[in-house]
């Protein structure tokens, strides 16, 4: 039996665009998605999902249904861990750094000069799905798709998220259990 190796994920959002860090550390730019204030009405929160995260679970589950994997459930324990890490990163001026916590998956997002809704955050990660090739279970050469694959990882059952503000920036953290993105395994 081979050891399961997890891939790292890291995405950076900016006022004028998004940057995705490839595993080699090379930044690639992406076009931002802008929403009108009228379209930003918060949906009702799912059971256990705090009001500030309303729509986060639904956005994850819509993407999972598209690829035929079971819905996630909200985890207060994972949300508490994610919020704690987001608050820690606030102390580092919203630095983009993974927690390194064992036994969980983690997606990060950062926004500067704008406010993201939970659905905006998930949509940012899902846009990476354009670079995922389901025929071979891998990202296109030079592309990043690890946030997307964590969202739709078939064996993941729970998600919990947190967010902190740093002046006019936001840092978002979602934790997943069981984690996904194992080398040599397909997400679905």
N, C-alpha and C. Protein backbone atom coordinates (compact mmCIF):
# COMPACT_ATOMS: atom_id res chain seq x y z
N UNK A 1 0.84 -1.17 0.00
CA UNK A 1 0.00 0.00 0.00
C UNK A 1 0.89 1.24 0.00
N UNK A 2 0.60 2.19 -0.88
CA UNK A 2 1.41 3.40 -0.97
C UNK A 2 0.89 4.46 -0.01
N UNK A 3 1.79 5.30 0.52
CA UNK A 3 1.32 6.38 1.40
C UNK A 3 0.52 7.39 0.59
N UNK A 4 -0.47 7.96 1.20
CA UNK A 4 -1.28 8.97 0.53
C UNK A 4 -0.61 10.32 0.71
N UNK A 5 -0.32 10.97 -0.38
CA UNK A 5 0.34 12.27 -0.36
C UNK A 5 -0.67 13.30 -0.81
N UNK A 6 -0.86 14.34 0.00
CA UNK A 6 -1.80 15.39 -0.34
C UNK A 6 -1.11 16.49 -1.12
N UNK A 7 -1.83 17.04 -2.09
CA UNK A 7 -1.35 18.20 -2.83
C UNK A 7 -1.70 19.45 -2.05
N UNK A 8 -0.87 20.46 -2.13
CA UNK A 8 -1.13 21.74 -1.48
C UNK A 8 -1.94 22.62 -2.40
N UNK A 9 -2.76 23.48 -1.83
CA UNK A 9 -3.58 24.40 -2.60
C UNK A 9 -3.40 25.81 -2.06
N UNK A 10 -3.38 26.79 -2.95
CA UNK A 10 -3.26 28.17 -2.51
C UNK A 10 -3.76 29.10 -3.61
N UNK A 11 -4.73 29.94 -3.33
CA UNK A 11 -5.23 30.91 -4.29
C UNK A 11 -5.23 32.29 -3.66
N UNK A 12 -4.86 33.28 -4.43
CA UNK A 12 -4.81 34.65 -3.96
C UNK A 12 -5.74 35.49 -4.81
N UNK A 13 -6.66 36.23 -4.18
CA UNK A 13 -7.53 37.14 -4.90
C UNK A 13 -7.04 38.56 -4.73
N UNK A 14 -7.23 39.40 -5.72
CA UNK A 14 -6.80 40.78 -5.64
C UNK A 14 -7.91 41.69 -6.16
N UNK A 15 -7.79 42.97 -5.92
CA UNK A 15 -8.78 43.95 -6.35
C UNK A 15 -9.01 43.87 -7.85
N UNK A 16 -7.98 43.74 -8.65
CA UNK A 16 -8.11 43.76 -10.10
C UNK A 16 -8.02 42.38 -10.73
N UNK A 17 -7.84 41.35 -9.97
CA UNK A 17 -7.77 40.02 -10.54
C UNK A 17 -7.46 39.00 -9.48
N UNK A 18 -7.32 37.78 -9.90
CA UNK A 18 -6.98 36.68 -9.02
C UNK A 18 -5.65 36.11 -9.44
N UNK A 19 -4.88 35.65 -8.49
CA UNK A 19 -3.65 34.94 -8.79
C UNK A 19 -3.75 33.55 -8.22
N UNK A 20 -3.35 32.59 -8.98
CA UNK A 20 -3.30 31.22 -8.47
C UNK A 20 -1.85 30.80 -8.45
N UNK A 21 -1.44 30.22 -7.34
CA UNK A 21 -0.06 29.75 -7.22
C UNK A 21 0.00 28.30 -7.64
N UNK A 22 0.84 28.01 -8.61
CA UNK A 22 1.03 26.63 -9.03
C UNK A 22 1.91 25.94 -8.02
N UNK A 23 1.98 24.59 -8.03
CA UNK A 23 2.84 23.90 -7.09
C UNK A 23 4.30 24.37 -7.16
N UNK A 24 4.72 24.87 -8.33
CA UNK A 24 6.10 25.34 -8.45
C UNK A 24 6.26 26.78 -7.97
N UNK A 25 5.14 27.41 -7.53
CA UNK A 25 5.21 28.77 -7.01
C UNK A 25 5.08 29.84 -8.07
N UNK A 26 4.76 29.48 -9.31
CA UNK A 26 4.60 30.44 -10.38
C UNK A 26 3.18 30.98 -10.34
N UNK A 27 3.02 32.29 -10.35
CA UNK A 27 1.70 32.90 -10.29
C UNK A 27 1.10 32.99 -11.69
N UNK A 28 -0.18 32.65 -11.80
CA UNK A 28 -0.91 32.79 -13.05
C UNK A 28 -2.11 33.66 -12.78
N UNK A 29 -2.40 34.60 -13.68
CA UNK A 29 -3.52 35.52 -13.41
C UNK A 29 -4.82 34.94 -13.92
N UNK A 30 -5.90 35.35 -13.26
CA UNK A 30 -7.24 34.95 -13.65
C UNK A 30 -8.12 36.19 -13.60
N UNK A 31 -9.20 36.18 -14.36
CA UNK A 31 -10.11 37.31 -14.40
C UNK A 31 -11.06 37.25 -13.22
N UNK A 32 -11.28 38.38 -12.53
CA UNK A 32 -12.19 38.37 -11.38
C UNK A 32 -13.64 38.27 -11.83
N UNK A 33 -14.48 37.84 -10.94
CA UNK A 33 -15.92 37.76 -11.17
C UNK A 33 -16.56 38.85 -10.34
N UNK A 34 -17.24 39.79 -10.99
CA UNK A 34 -17.87 40.90 -10.27
C UNK A 34 -19.36 40.65 -10.17
N UNK A 35 -19.94 40.99 -9.04
CA UNK A 35 -21.37 40.82 -8.82
C UNK A 35 -21.97 42.15 -8.43
N UNK A 36 -23.18 42.38 -8.88
CA UNK A 36 -23.87 43.60 -8.49
C UNK A 36 -24.37 43.46 -7.06
N UNK A 37 -24.53 44.58 -6.34
CA UNK A 37 -25.02 44.49 -4.96
C UNK A 37 -26.37 43.79 -4.86
N UNK A 38 -27.23 43.93 -5.85
CA UNK A 38 -28.54 43.30 -5.81
C UNK A 38 -28.43 41.78 -5.83
N UNK A 39 -27.40 41.23 -6.47
CA UNK A 39 -27.26 39.78 -6.57
C UNK A 39 -26.57 39.18 -5.35
N UNK A 40 -26.23 40.00 -4.37
CA UNK A 40 -25.45 39.52 -3.23
C UNK A 40 -26.31 39.21 -2.00
N UNK A 41 -27.63 39.14 -2.16
CA UNK A 41 -28.48 38.82 -1.02
C UNK A 41 -28.09 37.45 -0.49
N UNK A 42 -27.90 37.36 0.82
CA UNK A 42 -27.47 36.10 1.43
C UNK A 42 -28.61 35.10 1.47
N UNK A 43 -28.34 33.86 1.04
CA UNK A 43 -29.35 32.82 1.15
C UNK A 43 -29.50 32.40 2.61
N UNK A 44 -30.55 31.68 2.93
CA UNK A 44 -30.67 31.21 4.31
C UNK A 44 -29.55 30.23 4.64
N UNK A 45 -29.13 30.23 5.89
CA UNK A 45 -28.05 29.33 6.32
C UNK A 45 -28.57 27.91 6.43
N UNK A 46 -27.71 26.94 6.09
CA UNK A 46 -28.03 25.53 6.27
C UNK A 46 -27.94 25.20 7.75
N UNK A 47 -28.48 24.04 8.14
CA UNK A 47 -28.43 23.65 9.55
C UNK A 47 -27.01 23.64 10.07
N UNK A 48 -26.77 24.39 11.14
CA UNK A 48 -25.46 24.47 11.76
C UNK A 48 -24.54 25.51 11.14
N UNK A 49 -24.87 25.96 9.94
CA UNK A 49 -24.04 26.94 9.24
C UNK A 49 -24.33 28.33 9.81
N UNK A 50 -23.31 29.05 10.31
CA UNK A 50 -23.58 30.38 10.87
C UNK A 50 -24.04 31.36 9.79
N UNK A 51 -24.78 32.38 10.20
CA UNK A 51 -25.34 33.34 9.25
C UNK A 51 -24.27 33.94 8.34
N UNK A 52 -23.07 34.21 8.86
CA UNK A 52 -22.00 34.79 8.06
C UNK A 52 -21.47 33.86 6.99
N UNK A 53 -21.80 32.59 7.08
CA UNK A 53 -21.38 31.59 6.08
C UNK A 53 -22.56 31.11 5.24
N UNK A 54 -23.71 31.76 5.37
CA UNK A 54 -24.91 31.34 4.64
C UNK A 54 -24.62 31.22 3.15
N UNK A 55 -24.91 30.06 2.61
CA UNK A 55 -24.69 29.80 1.20
C UNK A 55 -23.42 29.02 0.91
N UNK A 56 -22.52 28.93 1.87
CA UNK A 56 -21.25 28.22 1.66
C UNK A 56 -21.51 26.73 1.40
N UNK A 57 -22.29 26.10 2.25
CA UNK A 57 -22.58 24.68 2.10
C UNK A 57 -23.35 24.43 0.82
N UNK A 58 -24.35 25.25 0.53
CA UNK A 58 -25.15 25.07 -0.68
C UNK A 58 -24.29 25.19 -1.93
N UNK A 59 -23.35 26.14 -1.96
CA UNK A 59 -22.48 26.31 -3.13
C UNK A 59 -21.59 25.08 -3.32
N UNK A 60 -21.05 24.54 -2.22
CA UNK A 60 -20.26 23.31 -2.31
C UNK A 60 -21.11 22.18 -2.87
N UNK A 61 -22.32 22.02 -2.32
CA UNK A 61 -23.15 20.88 -2.69
C UNK A 61 -23.68 20.97 -4.12
N UNK A 62 -23.95 22.18 -4.62
CA UNK A 62 -24.35 22.31 -6.03
C UNK A 62 -23.25 21.77 -6.93
N UNK A 63 -22.00 22.12 -6.64
CA UNK A 63 -20.87 21.64 -7.45
C UNK A 63 -20.72 20.13 -7.34
N UNK A 64 -20.93 19.59 -6.17
CA UNK A 64 -20.79 18.15 -5.95
C UNK A 64 -21.89 17.38 -6.70
N UNK A 65 -23.07 17.92 -6.75
CA UNK A 65 -24.17 17.26 -7.47
C UNK A 65 -23.89 17.19 -8.96
N UNK A 66 -23.24 18.22 -9.50
CA UNK A 66 -22.90 18.23 -10.93
C UNK A 66 -22.05 17.02 -11.30
N UNK A 67 -21.15 16.60 -10.42
CA UNK A 67 -20.27 15.47 -10.73
C UNK A 67 -20.74 14.17 -10.08
N UNK A 68 -21.90 14.20 -9.41
CA UNK A 68 -22.50 12.98 -8.89
C UNK A 68 -21.92 12.43 -7.60
N UNK A 69 -21.39 13.32 -6.75
CA UNK A 69 -20.89 12.86 -5.45
C UNK A 69 -21.83 13.35 -4.34
N UNK A 70 -21.85 12.65 -3.20
CA UNK A 70 -22.79 13.02 -2.13
C UNK A 70 -22.55 14.41 -1.56
N UNK A 71 -23.63 15.00 -1.07
CA UNK A 71 -23.56 16.31 -0.42
C UNK A 71 -22.66 16.26 0.81
N UNK A 72 -22.08 17.40 1.13
CA UNK A 72 -21.35 17.59 2.37
C UNK A 72 -22.32 18.00 3.47
N UNK A 73 -21.90 17.83 4.70
CA UNK A 73 -22.62 18.34 5.87
C UNK A 73 -21.74 19.40 6.52
N UNK A 74 -22.37 20.38 7.17
CA UNK A 74 -21.63 21.42 7.88
C UNK A 74 -21.09 20.86 9.19
N UNK A 75 -19.83 21.16 9.49
CA UNK A 75 -19.22 20.72 10.74
C UNK A 75 -18.84 21.94 11.57
N UNK A 76 -19.45 22.05 12.75
CA UNK A 76 -19.09 23.13 13.66
C UNK A 76 -17.65 23.02 14.13
N UNK A 77 -17.17 21.79 14.30
CA UNK A 77 -15.78 21.57 14.73
C UNK A 77 -14.80 22.07 13.66
N UNK A 78 -15.06 21.72 12.39
CA UNK A 78 -14.19 22.19 11.31
C UNK A 78 -14.29 23.70 11.14
N UNK A 79 -15.50 24.24 11.31
CA UNK A 79 -15.69 25.69 11.20
C UNK A 79 -14.91 26.41 12.30
N UNK A 80 -14.92 25.86 13.50
CA UNK A 80 -14.17 26.47 14.61
C UNK A 80 -12.67 26.44 14.31
N UNK A 81 -12.17 25.35 13.77
CA UNK A 81 -10.76 25.25 13.39
C UNK A 81 -10.43 26.25 12.29
N UNK A 82 -11.31 26.33 11.27
CA UNK A 82 -11.09 27.26 10.16
C UNK A 82 -11.12 28.71 10.64
N UNK A 83 -12.09 29.04 11.50
CA UNK A 83 -12.17 30.40 12.02
C UNK A 83 -10.94 30.75 12.85
N UNK A 84 -10.49 29.81 13.65
CA UNK A 84 -9.28 30.03 14.44
C UNK A 84 -8.08 30.32 13.57
N UNK A 85 -7.94 29.59 12.45
CA UNK A 85 -6.81 29.82 11.56
C UNK A 85 -6.98 31.16 10.83
N UNK A 86 -8.21 31.49 10.42
CA UNK A 86 -8.45 32.78 9.77
C UNK A 86 -8.08 33.93 10.72
N UNK A 87 -8.42 33.79 11.99
CA UNK A 87 -8.07 34.83 12.97
C UNK A 87 -6.56 34.89 13.20
N UNK A 88 -5.91 33.75 13.18
CA UNK A 88 -4.45 33.73 13.29
C UNK A 88 -3.83 34.47 12.10
N UNK A 89 -4.33 34.21 10.90
CA UNK A 89 -3.81 34.86 9.70
C UNK A 89 -4.11 36.36 9.70
N UNK A 90 -5.21 36.77 10.34
CA UNK A 90 -5.50 38.20 10.46
C UNK A 90 -4.34 38.88 11.20
N UNK A 91 -3.78 38.20 12.18
CA UNK A 91 -2.63 38.73 12.91
C UNK A 91 -1.38 38.82 12.05
N UNK A 92 -1.41 38.15 10.91
CA UNK A 92 -0.30 38.22 9.94
C UNK A 92 -0.72 39.02 8.70
N UNK A 93 -1.63 39.97 8.90
CA UNK A 93 -2.15 40.83 7.82
C UNK A 93 -2.73 40.01 6.67
N UNK A 94 -3.48 38.98 7.02
CA UNK A 94 -4.17 38.11 6.07
C UNK A 94 -3.21 37.40 5.12
N UNK A 95 -2.09 36.97 5.66
CA UNK A 95 -1.12 36.20 4.86
C UNK A 95 -1.77 34.93 4.34
N UNK A 96 -1.39 34.52 3.15
CA UNK A 96 -1.89 33.28 2.56
C UNK A 96 -0.95 32.16 2.98
N UNK A 97 -1.32 31.46 4.04
CA UNK A 97 -0.48 30.37 4.53
C UNK A 97 -1.37 29.27 5.07
N UNK A 98 -1.11 28.04 4.62
CA UNK A 98 -1.88 26.90 5.13
C UNK A 98 -1.50 26.61 6.57
N UNK A 99 -2.46 26.07 7.31
CA UNK A 99 -2.26 25.79 8.73
C UNK A 99 -1.34 24.60 8.97
N UNK A 100 -1.32 23.67 8.06
CA UNK A 100 -0.53 22.47 8.26
C UNK A 100 -1.19 21.48 9.22
N UNK A 101 -2.45 21.75 9.59
CA UNK A 101 -3.17 20.85 10.50
C UNK A 101 -3.32 19.49 9.84
N UNK A 102 -2.99 18.45 10.55
CA UNK A 102 -3.08 17.10 10.01
C UNK A 102 -4.50 16.58 9.99
N UNK A 103 -4.77 15.71 9.05
CA UNK A 103 -6.04 15.02 9.00
C UNK A 103 -7.21 15.79 8.41
N UNK A 104 -6.97 17.02 7.90
CA UNK A 104 -8.03 17.79 7.27
C UNK A 104 -7.52 18.38 5.97
N UNK A 105 -8.44 18.61 5.04
CA UNK A 105 -8.13 19.36 3.83
C UNK A 105 -8.37 20.83 4.10
N UNK A 106 -7.78 21.69 3.29
CA UNK A 106 -7.91 23.13 3.53
C UNK A 106 -7.84 23.90 2.22
N UNK A 107 -8.81 24.76 2.00
CA UNK A 107 -8.81 25.71 0.90
C UNK A 107 -8.73 27.11 1.49
N UNK A 108 -7.94 27.97 0.86
CA UNK A 108 -7.79 29.36 1.28
C UNK A 108 -8.20 30.28 0.13
N UNK A 109 -8.72 31.43 0.48
CA UNK A 109 -9.00 32.48 -0.51
C UNK A 109 -8.74 33.82 0.15
N UNK A 110 -8.32 34.79 -0.65
CA UNK A 110 -8.02 36.13 -0.17
C UNK A 110 -8.67 37.13 -1.12
N UNK A 111 -9.21 38.19 -0.57
CA UNK A 111 -9.79 39.26 -1.37
C UNK A 111 -9.32 40.59 -0.81
N UNK A 112 -8.97 41.50 -1.68
CA UNK A 112 -8.56 42.84 -1.28
C UNK A 112 -9.43 43.89 -1.93
N UNK A 113 -9.92 44.85 -1.14
CA UNK A 113 -10.69 45.96 -1.68
C UNK A 113 -12.10 45.58 -2.10
N UNK A 114 -12.56 44.43 -1.71
CA UNK A 114 -13.91 44.00 -2.06
C UNK A 114 -14.41 43.04 -0.98
N UNK A 115 -15.71 42.85 -0.93
CA UNK A 115 -16.29 41.90 0.01
C UNK A 115 -16.83 40.73 -0.79
N UNK A 116 -16.41 39.54 -0.43
CA UNK A 116 -16.90 38.33 -1.09
C UNK A 116 -18.00 37.70 -0.25
N UNK A 117 -18.97 37.13 -0.91
CA UNK A 117 -19.96 36.31 -0.22
C UNK A 117 -19.40 34.89 -0.16
N UNK A 118 -19.94 34.04 0.71
CA UNK A 118 -19.49 32.64 0.71
C UNK A 118 -19.62 32.00 -0.67
N UNK A 119 -20.70 32.29 -1.39
CA UNK A 119 -20.87 31.72 -2.73
C UNK A 119 -19.79 32.24 -3.69
N UNK A 120 -19.37 33.51 -3.55
CA UNK A 120 -18.29 34.05 -4.38
C UNK A 120 -17.00 33.28 -4.16
N UNK A 121 -16.72 32.93 -2.89
CA UNK A 121 -15.49 32.21 -2.56
C UNK A 121 -15.49 30.85 -3.23
N UNK A 122 -16.60 30.12 -3.10
CA UNK A 122 -16.68 28.79 -3.72
C UNK A 122 -16.61 28.93 -5.24
N UNK A 123 -17.26 29.93 -5.81
CA UNK A 123 -17.21 30.13 -7.26
C UNK A 123 -15.77 30.35 -7.74
N UNK A 124 -14.98 31.06 -6.95
CA UNK A 124 -13.57 31.27 -7.28
C UNK A 124 -12.85 29.93 -7.39
N UNK A 125 -13.09 29.05 -6.40
CA UNK A 125 -12.44 27.74 -6.41
C UNK A 125 -12.97 26.89 -7.56
N UNK A 126 -14.25 26.98 -7.84
CA UNK A 126 -14.85 26.15 -8.89
C UNK A 126 -14.37 26.53 -10.28
N UNK A 127 -14.00 27.79 -10.49
CA UNK A 127 -13.48 28.20 -11.80
C UNK A 127 -12.24 27.39 -12.19
N UNK A 128 -11.53 26.87 -11.19
CA UNK A 128 -10.37 26.03 -11.48
C UNK A 128 -10.78 24.72 -12.16
N UNK A 129 -12.06 24.36 -12.05
CA UNK A 129 -12.55 23.13 -12.69
C UNK A 129 -12.37 23.14 -14.20
N UNK A 130 -12.26 24.32 -14.79
CA UNK A 130 -12.01 24.39 -16.24
C UNK A 130 -10.66 23.79 -16.59
N UNK A 131 -9.73 23.75 -15.62
CA UNK A 131 -8.39 23.21 -15.87
C UNK A 131 -8.28 21.74 -15.44
N UNK A 132 -9.39 21.15 -14.98
CA UNK A 132 -9.36 19.76 -14.56
C UNK A 132 -9.80 18.86 -15.70
N UNK A 133 -9.03 17.82 -15.95
CA UNK A 133 -9.34 16.87 -17.02
C UNK A 133 -9.87 15.59 -16.39
N UNK A 134 -11.19 15.35 -16.47
CA UNK A 134 -11.74 14.16 -15.83
C UNK A 134 -11.29 12.85 -16.50
N UNK A 135 -10.83 12.93 -17.75
CA UNK A 135 -10.36 11.72 -18.43
C UNK A 135 -9.11 11.14 -17.79
N UNK A 136 -8.20 12.03 -17.33
CA UNK A 136 -6.98 11.52 -16.69
C UNK A 136 -6.90 11.87 -15.20
N UNK A 137 -7.89 12.61 -14.69
CA UNK A 137 -7.94 12.94 -13.27
C UNK A 137 -6.89 13.94 -12.84
N UNK A 138 -6.39 14.76 -13.77
CA UNK A 138 -5.31 15.69 -13.45
C UNK A 138 -5.64 17.10 -13.95
N UNK A 139 -4.88 18.06 -13.42
CA UNK A 139 -4.97 19.44 -13.90
C UNK A 139 -4.25 19.54 -15.23
N UNK A 140 -4.69 20.47 -16.08
CA UNK A 140 -3.97 20.75 -17.31
C UNK A 140 -2.56 21.22 -16.96
N UNK A 141 -1.62 20.98 -17.85
CA UNK A 141 -0.23 21.36 -17.63
C UNK A 141 -0.14 22.85 -17.29
N UNK A 142 0.56 23.15 -16.20
CA UNK A 142 0.77 24.53 -15.78
C UNK A 142 -0.42 25.18 -15.11
N UNK A 143 -1.50 24.44 -14.91
CA UNK A 143 -2.72 25.00 -14.32
C UNK A 143 -2.87 24.53 -12.88
N UNK A 144 -3.73 25.23 -12.14
CA UNK A 144 -4.06 24.89 -10.76
C UNK A 144 -5.52 24.46 -10.72
N UNK A 145 -5.80 23.34 -10.07
CA UNK A 145 -7.20 22.94 -9.91
C UNK A 145 -7.44 22.24 -8.57
N UNK A 146 -6.51 22.34 -7.63
CA UNK A 146 -6.62 21.66 -6.35
C UNK A 146 -7.73 22.17 -5.45
N UNK A 147 -8.11 23.45 -5.57
CA UNK A 147 -9.25 23.94 -4.78
C UNK A 147 -10.52 23.26 -5.28
N UNK A 148 -10.66 23.23 -6.61
CA UNK A 148 -11.83 22.59 -7.22
C UNK A 148 -11.92 21.13 -6.80
N UNK A 149 -10.82 20.40 -6.93
CA UNK A 149 -10.88 18.97 -6.63
C UNK A 149 -11.18 18.71 -5.15
N UNK A 150 -10.73 19.59 -4.25
CA UNK A 150 -11.08 19.41 -2.84
C UNK A 150 -12.57 19.62 -2.63
N UNK A 151 -13.16 20.60 -3.30
CA UNK A 151 -14.59 20.85 -3.16
C UNK A 151 -15.40 19.62 -3.58
N UNK A 152 -14.97 18.93 -4.65
CA UNK A 152 -15.75 17.82 -5.20
C UNK A 152 -15.18 16.45 -4.85
N UNK A 153 -14.22 16.37 -3.92
CA UNK A 153 -13.59 15.09 -3.57
C UNK A 153 -14.66 14.12 -3.04
N UNK A 154 -14.82 12.98 -3.69
CA UNK A 154 -15.92 12.05 -3.40
C UNK A 154 -15.97 11.55 -1.97
N UNK A 155 -14.83 11.36 -1.33
CA UNK A 155 -14.82 10.79 0.02
C UNK A 155 -14.97 11.82 1.13
N UNK A 156 -14.91 13.10 0.79
CA UNK A 156 -15.07 14.14 1.79
C UNK A 156 -16.55 14.19 2.21
N UNK A 157 -16.78 14.29 3.50
CA UNK A 157 -18.15 14.27 4.04
C UNK A 157 -18.54 15.56 4.75
N UNK A 158 -17.54 16.27 5.30
CA UNK A 158 -17.81 17.44 6.15
C UNK A 158 -17.02 18.66 5.68
N UNK A 159 -17.60 19.83 5.89
CA UNK A 159 -16.91 21.09 5.62
C UNK A 159 -17.26 22.08 6.72
N UNK A 160 -16.32 22.95 7.05
CA UNK A 160 -16.54 24.05 7.97
C UNK A 160 -15.61 25.18 7.58
N UNK A 161 -16.09 26.41 7.62
CA UNK A 161 -15.33 27.54 7.09
C UNK A 161 -15.31 28.71 8.06
N UNK A 162 -14.35 29.60 7.86
CA UNK A 162 -14.23 30.82 8.63
C UNK A 162 -13.67 31.94 7.78
N UNK A 163 -13.79 33.17 8.27
CA UNK A 163 -13.30 34.34 7.54
C UNK A 163 -12.91 35.41 8.54
N UNK A 164 -11.82 36.11 8.23
CA UNK A 164 -11.42 37.28 9.02
C UNK A 164 -11.08 38.42 8.08
N UNK A 165 -11.29 39.64 8.58
CA UNK A 165 -10.97 40.84 7.82
C UNK A 165 -9.70 41.47 8.34
N UNK A 166 -8.92 42.02 7.43
CA UNK A 166 -7.68 42.73 7.76
C UNK A 166 -7.75 44.07 7.04
N UNK A 167 -8.33 45.06 7.66
CA UNK A 167 -8.51 46.33 6.97
C UNK A 167 -9.48 46.13 5.83
N UNK A 168 -9.01 46.38 4.59
CA UNK A 168 -9.91 46.19 3.44
C UNK A 168 -9.65 44.86 2.73
N UNK A 169 -9.05 43.90 3.43
CA UNK A 169 -8.82 42.56 2.88
C UNK A 169 -9.59 41.52 3.69
N UNK A 170 -9.82 40.38 3.07
CA UNK A 170 -10.46 39.25 3.74
C UNK A 170 -9.63 38.00 3.50
N UNK A 171 -9.58 37.13 4.49
CA UNK A 171 -8.97 35.81 4.34
C UNK A 171 -10.05 34.78 4.67
N UNK A 172 -10.27 33.84 3.77
CA UNK A 172 -11.27 32.79 3.93
C UNK A 172 -10.56 31.45 4.07
N UNK A 173 -11.06 30.61 4.95
CA UNK A 173 -10.50 29.28 5.18
C UNK A 173 -11.65 28.29 5.23
N UNK A 174 -11.56 27.21 4.45
CA UNK A 174 -12.50 26.10 4.58
C UNK A 174 -11.69 24.85 4.87
N UNK A 175 -12.16 24.08 5.84
CA UNK A 175 -11.54 22.80 6.21
C UNK A 175 -12.48 21.67 5.82
N UNK A 176 -11.88 20.54 5.43
CA UNK A 176 -12.63 19.39 4.91
C UNK A 176 -12.20 18.12 5.61
N UNK A 177 -13.19 17.22 5.85
CA UNK A 177 -12.89 15.93 6.45
C UNK A 177 -13.81 14.87 5.85
N UNK A 178 -13.25 13.72 5.51
CA UNK A 178 -11.83 13.46 5.34
C UNK A 178 -11.27 14.35 4.22
N UNK A 179 -9.96 14.61 4.28
CA UNK A 179 -9.35 15.47 3.26
C UNK A 179 -9.31 14.79 1.89
N UNK A 180 -9.04 15.57 0.87
CA UNK A 180 -8.92 15.06 -0.49
C UNK A 180 -7.57 15.41 -1.08
N UNK A 181 -7.52 15.34 -2.40
CA UNK A 181 -6.34 15.70 -3.18
C UNK A 181 -5.14 14.80 -2.90
N UNK A 182 -5.36 13.51 -2.98
CA UNK A 182 -4.26 12.56 -2.82
C UNK A 182 -3.67 12.25 -4.19
N UNK A 183 -2.34 12.30 -4.26
CA UNK A 183 -1.62 12.00 -5.50
C UNK A 183 -2.01 10.61 -5.97
N UNK A 184 -2.33 10.51 -7.26
CA UNK A 184 -2.65 9.22 -7.85
C UNK A 184 -4.11 8.81 -7.68
N UNK A 185 -4.92 9.61 -6.99
CA UNK A 185 -6.33 9.30 -6.82
C UNK A 185 -7.17 10.36 -7.51
N UNK A 186 -8.27 9.93 -8.08
CA UNK A 186 -9.20 10.85 -8.75
C UNK A 186 -10.23 11.38 -7.76
N UNK A 187 -10.68 12.63 -7.95
CA UNK A 187 -11.62 13.21 -6.99
C UNK A 187 -13.01 12.54 -7.05
N UNK A 188 -13.40 12.06 -8.23
CA UNK A 188 -14.72 11.40 -8.38
C UNK A 188 -14.67 10.41 -9.50
